[in-house]
Amino acid sequence: MNIQAILEEKLSTLKPTYLEVINESGNHNVPAGSQSHFKVVVVCPDFANLRPVQRHRRVYELCADELDGPIHALSLHLYSIEEWSAQGQTAVKSPPCRGGSKFKRED
C-alpha cells in the first residue's frame, strides 16, 4: 500500500493548483521504508474563503482513514493562490527531527 499515492489521489479532489505530498518518514526515528510521517503542501483557490482551521478540517476529512491508521504525523501547509504567490511559491521547510527516543533528555 503506497500511502503517499493515496494521499495525492484524495487531495486532488480539492482541485489544487499545486499539490505536493512528501514522505518525511526517513527523517524520523522509524524503521526503514516507513510511510508514517508526511508533509502536505496544497494550494487551492477555495482556500481563499476559508480560515486555516477550516482548511485543515477539509484535509482531515479527506484523509480520515489514513489518519486513523498508518499515518503518525501529517504536516499541513495549506495556501490560497494569493498566499502562495506572496511567499514566493515555497512552503516552509521542515525542521530536523529532534530524535524522539534516540536521545536522552536533559531536564
PDB file of N, CA and C in Angstrom:
ATOM      1  N   MET A   1       0.842  -1.175   0.000  1.00  0.00           N
ATOM      2  CA  MET A   1       0.000   0.000   0.000  1.00  0.00           C
ATOM      3  C   MET A   1       0.897   1.251   0.000  1.00  0.00           C
ATOM      4  N   ASN A   2       0.730   2.125  -0.958  1.00  0.00           N
ATOM      5  CA  ASN A   2       1.519   3.346  -1.040  1.00  0.00           C
ATOM      6  C   ASN A   2       0.689   4.512  -0.485  1.00  0.00           C
ATOM      7  N   ILE A   3       0.947   4.866   0.752  1.00  0.00           N
ATOM      8  CA  ILE A   3       0.180   5.912   1.427  1.00  0.00           C
ATOM      9  C   ILE A   3       0.328   7.244   0.697  1.00  0.00           C
ATOM     10  N   GLN A   4       1.510   7.541   0.206  1.00  0.00           N
ATOM     11  CA  GLN A   4       1.732   8.806  -0.486  1.00  0.00           C
ATOM     12  C   GLN A   4       0.797   8.934  -1.694  1.00  0.00           C
ATOM     13  N   ALA A   5       0.675   7.886  -2.486  1.00  0.00           N
ATOM     14  CA  ALA A   5      -0.204   7.906  -3.661  1.00  0.00           C
ATOM     15  C   ALA A   5      -1.664   8.050  -3.253  1.00  0.00           C
ATOM     16  N   ILE A   6      -2.044   7.401  -2.168  1.00  0.00           N
ATOM     17  CA  ILE A   6      -3.423   7.511  -1.680  1.00  0.00           C
ATOM     18  C   ILE A   6      -3.714   8.954  -1.273  1.00  0.00           C
ATOM     19  N   LEU A   7      -2.790   9.568  -0.534  1.00  0.00           N
ATOM     20  CA  LEU A   7      -2.973  10.962  -0.123  1.00  0.00           C
ATOM     21  C   LEU A   7      -3.070  11.877  -1.341  1.00  0.00           C
ATOM     22  N   GLU A   8      -2.197  11.675  -2.317  1.00  0.00           N
ATOM     23  CA  GLU A   8      -2.223  12.506  -3.527  1.00  0.00           C
ATOM     24  C   GLU A   8      -3.567  12.384  -4.241  1.00  0.00           C
ATOM     25  N   GLU A   9      -4.074  11.163  -4.343  1.00  0.00           N
ATOM     26  CA  GLU A   9      -5.357  10.942  -5.021  1.00  0.00           C
ATOM     27  C   GLU A   9      -6.503  11.630  -4.269  1.00  0.00           C
ATOM     28  N   LYS A  10      -6.534  11.463  -2.967  1.00  0.00           N
ATOM     29  CA  LYS A  10      -7.612  12.068  -2.176  1.00  0.00           C
ATOM     30  C   LYS A  10      -7.530  13.592  -2.196  1.00  0.00           C
ATOM     31  N   LEU A  11      -6.329  14.142  -2.069  1.00  0.00           N
ATOM     32  CA  LEU A  11      -6.173  15.590  -2.031  1.00  0.00           C
ATOM     33  C   LEU A  11      -6.407  16.236  -3.397  1.00  0.00           C
ATOM     34  N   SER A  12      -6.243  15.471  -4.454  1.00  0.00           N
ATOM     35  CA  SER A  12      -6.502  16.018  -5.792  1.00  0.00           C
ATOM     36  C   SER A  12      -7.972  16.354  -5.995  1.00  0.00           C
ATOM     37  N   THR A  13      -8.850  15.800  -5.159  1.00  0.00           N
ATOM     38  CA  THR A  13     -10.274  16.136  -5.259  1.00  0.00           C
ATOM     39  C   THR A  13     -10.543  17.586  -4.852  1.00  0.00           C
ATOM     40  N   LEU A  14      -9.577  18.225  -4.198  1.00  0.00           N
ATOM     41  CA  LEU A  14      -9.702  19.648  -3.852  1.00  0.00           C
ATOM     42  C   LEU A  14      -9.482  20.537  -5.080  1.00  0.00           C
ATOM     43  N   LYS A  15      -9.031  19.935  -6.166  1.00  0.00           N
ATOM     44  CA  LYS A  15      -8.693  20.657  -7.398  1.00  0.00           C
ATOM     45  C   LYS A  15      -7.630  21.732  -7.153  1.00  0.00           C
ATOM     46  N   PRO A  16      -6.510  21.316  -6.566  1.00  0.00           N
ATOM     47  CA  PRO A  16      -5.449  22.276  -6.254  1.00  0.00           C
ATOM     48  C   PRO A  16      -4.710  22.752  -7.506  1.00  0.00           C
ATOM     49  N   THR A  17      -4.163  23.947  -7.409  1.00  0.00           N
ATOM     50  CA  THR A  17      -3.279  24.423  -8.476  1.00  0.00           C
ATOM     51  C   THR A  17      -1.859  23.917  -8.232  1.00  0.00           C
ATOM     52  N   TYR A  18      -1.586  23.515  -7.003  1.00  0.00           N
ATOM     53  CA  TYR A  18      -0.293  22.923  -6.653  1.00  0.00           C
ATOM     54  C   TYR A  18      -0.541  21.915  -5.540  1.00  0.00           C
ATOM     55  N   LEU A  19       0.051  20.733  -5.676  1.00  0.00           N
ATOM     56  CA  LEU A  19      -0.077  19.687  -4.670  1.00  0.00           C
ATOM     57  C   LEU A  19       1.250  18.954  -4.564  1.00  0.00           C
ATOM     58  N   GLU A  20       1.731  18.835  -3.343  1.00  0.00           N
ATOM     59  CA  GLU A  20       2.958  18.081  -3.092  1.00  0.00           C
ATOM     60  C   GLU A  20       2.781  17.291  -1.807  1.00  0.00           C
ATOM     61  N   VAL A  21       3.024  15.988  -1.890  1.00  0.00           N
ATOM     62  CA  VAL A  21       2.979  15.114  -0.724  1.00  0.00           C
ATOM     63  C   VAL A  21       4.366  14.506  -0.591  1.00  0.00           C
ATOM     64  N   ILE A  22       5.004  14.773   0.535  1.00  0.00           N
ATOM     65  CA  ILE A  22       6.384  14.340   0.751  1.00  0.00           C
ATOM     66  C   ILE A  22       6.428  13.370   1.929  1.00  0.00           C
ATOM     67  N   ASN A  23       6.988  12.198   1.683  1.00  0.00           N
ATOM     68  CA  ASN A  23       7.172  11.219   2.755  1.00  0.00           C
ATOM     69  C   ASN A  23       8.433  11.610   3.521  1.00  0.00           C
ATOM     70  N   GLU A  24       8.254  12.124   4.723  1.00  0.00           N
ATOM     71  CA  GLU A  24       9.387  12.533   5.563  1.00  0.00           C
ATOM     72  C   GLU A  24       9.724  11.507   6.641  1.00  0.00           C
ATOM     73  N   SER A  25       9.218  10.309   6.485  1.00  0.00           N
ATOM     74  CA  SER A  25       9.440   9.264   7.489  1.00  0.00           C
ATOM     75  C   SER A  25      10.920   8.989   7.714  1.00  0.00           C
ATOM     76  N   GLY A  26      11.711   9.045   6.650  1.00  0.00           N
ATOM     77  CA  GLY A  26      13.138   8.778   6.764  1.00  0.00           C
ATOM     78  C   GLY A  26      13.885   9.774   7.621  1.00  0.00           C
ATOM     79  N   ASN A  27      13.270  10.916   7.911  1.00  0.00           N
ATOM     80  CA  ASN A  27      13.885  11.937   8.761  1.00  0.00           C
ATOM     81  C   ASN A  27      13.584  11.708  10.241  1.00  0.00           C
ATOM     82  N   HIS A  28      12.882  10.635  10.549  1.00  0.00           N
ATOM     83  CA  HIS A  28      12.452  10.379  11.916  1.00  0.00           C
ATOM     84  C   HIS A  28      12.950   9.020  12.400  1.00  0.00           C
ATOM     85  N   ASN A  29      12.772   8.773  13.658  1.00  0.00           N
ATOM     86  CA  ASN A  29      13.219   7.538  14.280  1.00  0.00           C
ATOM     87  C   ASN A  29      12.180   6.442  14.034  1.00  0.00           C
ATOM     88  N   VAL A  30      12.148   5.966  12.779  1.00  0.00           N
ATOM     89  CA  VAL A  30      11.194   4.926  12.375  1.00  0.00           C
ATOM     90  C   VAL A  30      11.945   3.879  11.558  1.00  0.00           C
ATOM     91  N   PRO A  31      11.361   2.690  11.410  1.00  0.00           N
ATOM     92  CA  PRO A  31      12.023   1.664  10.589  1.00  0.00           C
ATOM     93  C   PRO A  31      12.177   2.113   9.133  1.00  0.00           C
ATOM     94  N   ALA A  32      13.198   1.628   8.468  1.00  0.00           N
ATOM     95  CA  ALA A  32      13.426   1.944   7.058  1.00  0.00           C
ATOM     96  C   ALA A  32      12.195   1.567   6.242  1.00  0.00           C
ATOM     97  N   GLY A  33      11.855   2.396   5.261  1.00  0.00           N
ATOM     98  CA  GLY A  33      10.712   2.132   4.400  1.00  0.00           C
ATOM     99  C   GLY A  33       9.371   2.525   4.993  1.00  0.00           C
ATOM    100  N   SER A  34       9.380   3.166   6.148  1.00  0.00           N
ATOM    101  CA  SER A  34       8.123   3.557   6.795  1.00  0.00           C
ATOM    102  C   SER A  34       7.381   4.596   5.966  1.00  0.00           C
ATOM    103  N   GLN A  35       6.074   4.604   6.117  1.00  0.00           N
ATOM    104  CA  GLN A  35       5.205   5.589   5.488  1.00  0.00           C
ATOM    105  C   GLN A  35       4.297   6.148   6.583  1.00  0.00           C
ATOM    106  N   SER A  36       4.880   6.900   7.492  1.00  0.00           N
ATOM    107  CA  SER A  36       4.111   7.348   8.658  1.00  0.00           C
ATOM    108  C   SER A  36       4.163   8.848   8.905  1.00  0.00           C
ATOM    109  N   HIS A  37       5.138   9.545   8.327  1.00  0.00           N
ATOM    110  CA  HIS A  37       5.300  10.990   8.528  1.00  0.00           C
ATOM    111  C   HIS A  37       5.262  11.677   7.160  1.00  0.00           C
ATOM    112  N   PHE A  38       4.276  12.560   6.971  1.00  0.00           N
ATOM    113  CA  PHE A  38       4.120  13.213   5.678  1.00  0.00           C
ATOM    114  C   PHE A  38       3.988  14.717   5.820  1.00  0.00           C
ATOM    115  N   LYS A  39       4.520  15.392   4.828  1.00  0.00           N
ATOM    116  CA  LYS A  39       4.344  16.836   4.688  1.00  0.00           C
ATOM    117  C   LYS A  39       3.473  17.041   3.452  1.00  0.00           C
ATOM    118  N   VAL A  40       2.428  17.843   3.596  1.00  0.00           N
ATOM    119  CA  VAL A  40       1.497  18.084   2.506  1.00  0.00           C
ATOM    120  C   VAL A  40       1.448  19.583   2.226  1.00  0.00           C
ATOM    121  N   VAL A  41       1.629  19.936   0.956  1.00  0.00           N
ATOM    122  CA  VAL A  41       1.506  21.319   0.518  1.00  0.00           C
ATOM    123  C   VAL A  41       0.370  21.360  -0.506  1.00  0.00           C
ATOM    124  N   VAL A  42      -0.650  22.149  -0.199  1.00  0.00           N
ATOM    125  CA  VAL A  42      -1.787  22.277  -1.099  1.00  0.00           C
ATOM    126  C   VAL A  42      -2.066  23.757  -1.326  1.00  0.00           C
ATOM    127  N   VAL A  43      -2.152  24.137  -2.597  1.00  0.00           N
ATOM    128  CA  VAL A  43      -2.559  25.494  -2.981  1.00  0.00           C
ATOM    129  C   VAL A  43      -3.881  25.335  -3.709  1.00  0.00           C
ATOM    130  N   CYS A  44      -4.905  25.988  -3.173  1.00  0.00           N
ATOM    131  CA  CYS A  44      -6.248  25.779  -3.692  1.00  0.00           C
ATOM    132  C   CYS A  44      -7.021  27.096  -3.727  1.00  0.00           C
ATOM    133  N   PRO A  45      -7.661  27.401  -4.837  1.00  0.00           N
ATOM    134  CA  PRO A  45      -8.452  28.637  -4.910  1.00  0.00           C
ATOM    135  C   PRO A  45      -9.517  28.719  -3.820  1.00  0.00           C
ATOM    136  N   ASP A  46     -10.127  27.595  -3.482  1.00  0.00           N
ATOM    137  CA  ASP A  46     -11.181  27.590  -2.457  1.00  0.00           C
ATOM    138  C   ASP A  46     -10.678  27.981  -1.070  1.00  0.00           C
ATOM    139  N   PHE A  47      -9.388  27.849  -0.827  1.00  0.00           N
ATOM    140  CA  PHE A  47      -8.848  28.184   0.488  1.00  0.00           C
ATOM    141  C   PHE A  47      -8.911  29.684   0.788  1.00  0.00           C
ATOM    142  N   ALA A  48      -9.063  30.508  -0.221  1.00  0.00           N
ATOM    143  CA  ALA A  48      -9.146  31.960  -0.006  1.00  0.00           C
ATOM    144  C   ALA A  48     -10.334  32.327   0.869  1.00  0.00           C
ATOM    145  N   ASN A  49     -11.367  31.521   0.828  1.00  0.00           N
ATOM    146  CA  ASN A  49     -12.589  31.805   1.587  1.00  0.00           C
ATOM    147  C   ASN A  49     -12.671  31.051   2.909  1.00  0.00           C
ATOM    148  N   LEU A  50     -11.602  30.357   3.259  1.00  0.00           N
ATOM    149  CA  LEU A  50     -11.621  29.543   4.480  1.00  0.00           C
ATOM    150  C   LEU A  50     -10.547  29.975   5.470  1.00  0.00           C
ATOM    151  N   ARG A  51     -10.892  29.933   6.754  1.00  0.00           N
ATOM    152  CA  ARG A  51      -9.898  30.159   7.799  1.00  0.00           C
ATOM    153  C   ARG A  51      -8.974  28.930   7.855  1.00  0.00           C
ATOM    154  N   PRO A  52      -7.781  29.091   8.417  1.00  0.00           N
ATOM    155  CA  PRO A  52      -6.851  27.950   8.481  1.00  0.00           C
ATOM    156  C   PRO A  52      -7.455  26.687   9.104  1.00  0.00           C
ATOM    157  N   VAL A  53      -8.200  26.830  10.165  1.00  0.00           N
ATOM    158  CA  VAL A  53      -8.777  25.644  10.808  1.00  0.00           C
ATOM    159  C   VAL A  53      -9.786  24.956   9.882  1.00  0.00           C
ATOM    160  N   GLN A  54     -10.503  25.724   9.080  1.00  0.00           N
ATOM    161  CA  GLN A  54     -11.437  25.132   8.127  1.00  0.00           C
ATOM    162  C   GLN A  54     -10.696  24.387   7.021  1.00  0.00           C
ATOM    163  N   ARG A  55      -9.564  24.908   6.597  1.00  0.00           N
ATOM    164  CA  ARG A  55      -8.741  24.232   5.587  1.00  0.00           C
ATOM    165  C   ARG A  55      -8.251  22.890   6.129  1.00  0.00           C
ATOM    166  N   HIS A  56      -7.763  22.911   7.367  1.00  0.00           N
ATOM    167  CA  HIS A  56      -7.271  21.684   7.998  1.00  0.00           C
ATOM    168  C   HIS A  56      -8.389  20.651   8.114  1.00  0.00           C
ATOM    169  N   ARG A  57      -9.563  21.089   8.507  1.00  0.00           N
ATOM    170  CA  ARG A  57     -10.690  20.159   8.645  1.00  0.00           C
ATOM    171  C   ARG A  57     -11.015  19.477   7.329  1.00  0.00           C
ATOM    172  N   ARG A  58     -10.970  20.222   6.236  1.00  0.00           N
ATOM    173  CA  ARG A  58     -11.248  19.621   4.915  1.00  0.00           C
ATOM    174  C   ARG A  58     -10.241  18.535   4.600  1.00  0.00           C
ATOM    175  N   VAL A  59      -8.979  18.789   4.887  1.00  0.00           N
ATOM    176  CA  VAL A  59      -7.947  17.787   4.621  1.00  0.00           C
ATOM    177  C   VAL A  59      -8.122  16.592   5.555  1.00  0.00           C
ATOM    178  N   TYR A  60      -8.386  16.855   6.828  1.00  0.00           N
ATOM    179  CA  TYR A  60      -8.577  15.760   7.779  1.00  0.00           C
ATOM    180  C   TYR A  60      -9.751  14.868   7.373  1.00  0.00           C
ATOM    181  N   GLU A  61     -10.828  15.468   6.888  1.00  0.00           N
ATOM    182  CA  GLU A  61     -11.985  14.691   6.442  1.00  0.00           C
ATOM    183  C   GLU A  61     -11.620  13.790   5.261  1.00  0.00           C
ATOM    184  N   LEU A  62     -10.873  14.334   4.313  1.00  0.00           N
ATOM    185  CA  LEU A  62     -10.481  13.549   3.146  1.00  0.00           C
ATOM    186  C   LEU A  62      -9.543  12.402   3.503  1.00  0.00           C
ATOM    187  N   CYS A  63      -8.697  12.606   4.490  1.00  0.00           N
ATOM    188  CA  CYS A  63      -7.654  11.637   4.841  1.00  0.00           C
ATOM    189  C   CYS A  63      -7.947  10.901   6.148  1.00  0.00           C
ATOM    190  N   ALA A  64      -9.198  10.862   6.540  1.00  0.00           N
ATOM    191  CA  ALA A  64      -9.576  10.289   7.838  1.00  0.00           C
ATOM    192  C   ALA A  64      -9.109   8.846   8.016  1.00  0.00           C
ATOM    193  N   ASP A  65      -9.267   8.020   6.991  1.00  0.00           N
ATOM    194  CA  ASP A  65      -8.874   6.607   7.124  1.00  0.00           C
ATOM    195  C   ASP A  65      -7.377   6.464   7.365  1.00  0.00           C
ATOM    196  N   GLU A  66      -6.585   7.239   6.648  1.00  0.00           N
ATOM    197  CA  GLU A  66      -5.134   7.162   6.798  1.00  0.00           C
ATOM    198  C   GLU A  66      -4.683   7.725   8.151  1.00  0.00           C
ATOM    199  N   LEU A  67      -5.351   8.778   8.604  1.00  0.00           N
ATOM    200  CA  LEU A  67      -5.011   9.357   9.908  1.00  0.00           C
ATOM    201  C   LEU A  67      -5.409   8.422  11.050  1.00  0.00           C
ATOM    202  N   ASP A  68      -6.389   7.596  10.800  1.00  0.00           N
ATOM    203  CA  ASP A  68      -6.841   6.643  11.807  1.00  0.00           C
ATOM    204  C   ASP A  68      -5.981   5.376  11.798  1.00  0.00           C
ATOM    205  N   GLY A  69      -5.106   5.267  10.831  1.00  0.00           N
ATOM    206  CA  GLY A  69      -4.301   4.053  10.709  1.00  0.00           C
ATOM    207  C   GLY A  69      -2.828   4.324  10.595  1.00  0.00           C
ATOM    208  N   PRO A  70      -2.303   4.243   9.371  1.00  0.00           N
ATOM    209  CA  PRO A  70      -0.844   4.221   9.208  1.00  0.00           C
ATOM    210  C   PRO A  70      -0.120   5.549   9.412  1.00  0.00           C
ATOM    211  N   ILE A  71      -0.811   6.676   9.311  1.00  0.00           N
ATOM    212  CA  ILE A  71      -0.118   7.956   9.431  1.00  0.00           C
ATOM    213  C   ILE A  71       0.041   8.352  10.892  1.00  0.00           C
ATOM    214  N   HIS A  72       1.268   8.643  11.261  1.00  0.00           N
ATOM    215  CA  HIS A  72       1.573   9.089  12.621  1.00  0.00           C
ATOM    216  C   HIS A  72       1.611  10.615  12.695  1.00  0.00           C
ATOM    217  N   ALA A  73       2.148  11.254  11.642  1.00  0.00           N
ATOM    218  CA  ALA A  73       2.280  12.716  11.639  1.00  0.00           C
ATOM    219  C   ALA A  73       1.974  13.247  10.247  1.00  0.00           C
ATOM    220  N   LEU A  74       1.186  14.322  10.219  1.00  0.00           N
ATOM    221  CA  LEU A  74       0.819  14.958   8.959  1.00  0.00           C
ATOM    222  C   LEU A  74       1.012  16.462   9.120  1.00  0.00           C
ATOM    223  N   SER A  75       2.031  16.976   8.446  1.00  0.00           N
ATOM    224  CA  SER A  75       2.335  18.405   8.486  1.00  0.00           C
ATOM    225  C   SER A  75       1.616  19.068   7.318  1.00  0.00           C
ATOM    226  N   LEU A  76       0.708  19.991   7.619  1.00  0.00           N
ATOM    227  CA  LEU A  76      -0.116  20.614   6.586  1.00  0.00           C
ATOM    228  C   LEU A  76       0.319  22.047   6.313  1.00  0.00           C
ATOM    229  N   HIS A  77       0.508  22.341   5.042  1.00  0.00           N
ATOM    230  CA  HIS A  77       0.836  23.682   4.574  1.00  0.00           C
ATOM    231  C   HIS A  77      -0.189  23.996   3.496  1.00  0.00           C
ATOM    232  N   LEU A  78      -1.227  24.729   3.876  1.00  0.00           N
ATOM    233  CA  LEU A  78      -2.398  24.932   3.029  1.00  0.00           C
ATOM    234  C   LEU A  78      -2.542  26.409   2.697  1.00  0.00           C
ATOM    235  N   TYR A  79      -2.494  26.732   1.409  1.00  0.00           N
ATOM    236  CA  TYR A  79      -2.450  28.125   0.977  1.00  0.00           C
ATOM    237  C   TYR A  79      -3.515  28.446  -0.065  1.00  0.00           C
ATOM    238  N   SER A  80      -3.975  29.687  -0.034  1.00  0.00           N
ATOM    239  CA  SER A  80      -4.740  30.214  -1.157  1.00  0.00           C
ATOM    240  C   SER A  80      -3.727  30.571  -2.241  1.00  0.00           C
ATOM    241  N   ILE A  81      -4.191  30.839  -3.430  1.00  0.00           N
ATOM    242  CA  ILE A  81      -3.277  31.213  -4.516  1.00  0.00           C
ATOM    243  C   ILE A  81      -2.526  32.492  -4.169  1.00  0.00           C
ATOM    244  N   GLU A  82      -3.210  33.454  -3.571  1.00  0.00           N
ATOM    245  CA  GLU A  82      -2.585  34.728  -3.204  1.00  0.00           C
ATOM    246  C   GLU A  82      -1.509  34.538  -2.135  1.00  0.00           C
ATOM    247  N   GLU A  83      -1.800  33.714  -1.135  1.00  0.00           N
ATOM    248  CA  GLU A  83      -0.817  33.446  -0.071  1.00  0.00           C
ATOM    249  C   GLU A  83       0.416  32.748  -0.642  1.00  0.00           C
ATOM    250  N   TRP A  84       0.191  31.800  -1.526  1.00  0.00           N
ATOM    251  CA  TRP A  84       1.285  31.050  -2.143  1.00  0.00           C
ATOM    252  C   TRP A  84       2.183  31.990  -2.950  1.00  0.00           C
ATOM    253  N   SER A  85       1.575  32.872  -3.714  1.00  0.00           N
ATOM    254  CA  SER A  85       2.345  33.840  -4.506  1.00  0.00           C
ATOM    255  C   SER A  85       3.117  34.796  -3.611  1.00  0.00           C
ATOM    256  N   ALA A  86       2.474  35.260  -2.539  1.00  0.00           N
ATOM    257  CA  ALA A  86       3.096  36.229  -1.636  1.00  0.00           C
ATOM    258  C   ALA A  86       4.345  35.683  -0.954  1.00  0.00           C
ATOM    259  N   GLN A  87       4.423  34.371  -0.781  1.00  0.00           N
ATOM    260  CA  GLN A  87       5.613  33.821  -0.127  1.00  0.00           C
ATOM    261  C   GLN A  87       6.548  33.133  -1.117  1.00  0.00           C
ATOM    262  N   GLY A  88       6.448  33.542  -2.357  1.00  0.00           N
ATOM    263  CA  GLY A  88       7.401  33.075  -3.364  1.00  0.00           C
ATOM    264  C   GLY A  88       7.191  31.648  -3.823  1.00  0.00           C
ATOM    265  N   GLN A  89       5.975  31.138  -3.694  1.00  0.00           N
ATOM    266  CA  GLN A  89       5.614  29.782  -4.108  1.00  0.00           C
ATOM    267  C   GLN A  89       6.535  28.729  -3.488  1.00  0.00           C
ATOM    268  N   THR A  90       6.803  28.914  -2.200  1.00  0.00           N
ATOM    269  CA  THR A  90       7.662  27.992  -1.457  1.00  0.00           C
ATOM    270  C   THR A  90       7.044  27.707  -0.098  1.00  0.00           C
ATOM    271  N   ALA A  91       6.980  26.449   0.255  1.00  0.00           N
ATOM    272  CA  ALA A  91       6.462  26.066   1.572  1.00  0.00           C
ATOM    273  C   ALA A  91       7.571  26.164   2.613  1.00  0.00           C
ATOM    274  N   VAL A  92       7.167  26.280   3.847  1.00  0.00           N
ATOM    275  CA  VAL A  92       8.099  26.310   4.973  1.00  0.00           C
ATOM    276  C   VAL A  92       8.854  24.980   5.011  1.00  0.00           C
ATOM    277  N   LYS A  93      10.145  25.052   5.227  1.00  0.00           N
ATOM    278  CA  LYS A  93      10.951  23.827   5.320  1.00  0.00           C
ATOM    279  C   LYS A  93      10.685  23.140   6.656  1.00  0.00           C
ATOM    280  N   SER A  94      10.710  21.828   6.632  1.00  0.00           N
ATOM    281  CA  SER A  94      10.507  21.056   7.850  1.00  0.00           C
ATOM    282  C   SER A  94      11.749  21.139   8.719  1.00  0.00           C
ATOM    283  N   PRO A  95      11.560  21.295  10.033  1.00  0.00           N
ATOM    284  CA  PRO A  95      12.725  21.318  10.927  1.00  0.00           C
ATOM    285  C   PRO A  95      13.300  19.906  11.051  1.00  0.00           C
ATOM    286  N   PRO A  96      14.555  19.803  11.415  1.00  0.00           N
ATOM    287  CA  PRO A  96      15.133  18.464  11.606  1.00  0.00           C
ATOM    288  C   PRO A  96      14.462  17.769  12.793  1.00  0.00           C
ATOM    289  N   CYS A  97      14.365  16.473  12.701  1.00  0.00           N
ATOM    290  CA  CYS A  97      13.785  15.687  13.787  1.00  0.00           C
ATOM    291  C   CYS A  97      14.701  15.778  15.003  1.00  0.00           C
ATOM    292  N   ARG A  98      14.099  15.931  16.160  1.00  0.00           N
ATOM    293  CA  ARG A  98      14.897  16.010  17.385  1.00  0.00           C
ATOM    294  C   ARG A  98      15.249  14.631  17.914  1.00  0.00           C
ATOM    295  N   GLY A  99      14.794  13.586  17.226  1.00  0.00           N
ATOM    296  CA  GLY A  99      15.245  12.246  17.570  1.00  0.00           C
ATOM    297  C   GLY A  99      14.288  11.431  18.392  1.00  0.00           C
ATOM    298  N   GLY A 100      13.245  12.011  18.936  1.00  0.00           N
ATOM    299  CA  GLY A 100      12.313  11.213  19.733  1.00  0.00           C
ATOM    300  C   GLY A 100      13.049  10.496  20.830  1.00  0.00           C
ATOM    301  N   SER A 101      12.965   9.187  20.798  1.00  0.00           N
ATOM    302  CA  SER A 101      13.607   8.393  21.852  1.00  0.00           C
ATOM    303  C   SER A 101      15.076   8.102  21.549  1.00  0.00           C
ATOM    304  N   LYS A 102      15.626   8.639  20.464  1.00  0.00           N
ATOM    305  CA  LYS A 102      17.028   8.386  20.123  1.00  0.00           C
ATOM    306  C   LYS A 102      17.989   9.005  21.132  1.00  0.00           C
ATOM    307  N   PHE A 103      17.599  10.144  21.684  1.00  0.00           N
ATOM    308  CA  PHE A 103      18.496  10.885  22.548  1.00  0.00           C
ATOM    309  C   PHE A 103      17.966  10.974  23.960  1.00  0.00           C
ATOM    310  N   LYS A 104      18.877  11.011  24.900  1.00  0.00           N
ATOM    311  CA  LYS A 104      18.490  11.159  26.293  1.00  0.00           C
ATOM    312  C   LYS A 104      18.089  12.607  26.548  1.00  0.00           C
ATOM    313  N   ARG A 105      16.976  12.815  27.206  1.00  0.00           N
ATOM    314  CA  ARG A 105      16.502  14.150  27.517  1.00  0.00           C
ATOM    315  C   ARG A 105      17.303  14.766  28.646  1.00  0.00           C
ATOM    316  N   GLU A 106      17.529  16.060  28.502  1.00  0.00           N
ATOM    317  CA  GLU A 106      18.186  16.799  29.572  1.00  0.00           C
ATOM    318  C   GLU A 106      17.150  17.697  30.219  1.00  0.00           C
ATOM    319  N   ASP A 107      16.850  17.457  31.460  1.00  0.00           N
ATOM    320  CA  ASP A 107      15.838  18.262  32.174  1.00  0.00           C
ATOM    321  C   ASP A 107      16.465  19.251  33.104  1.00  0.00           C
TER     322      ASP A 107
END
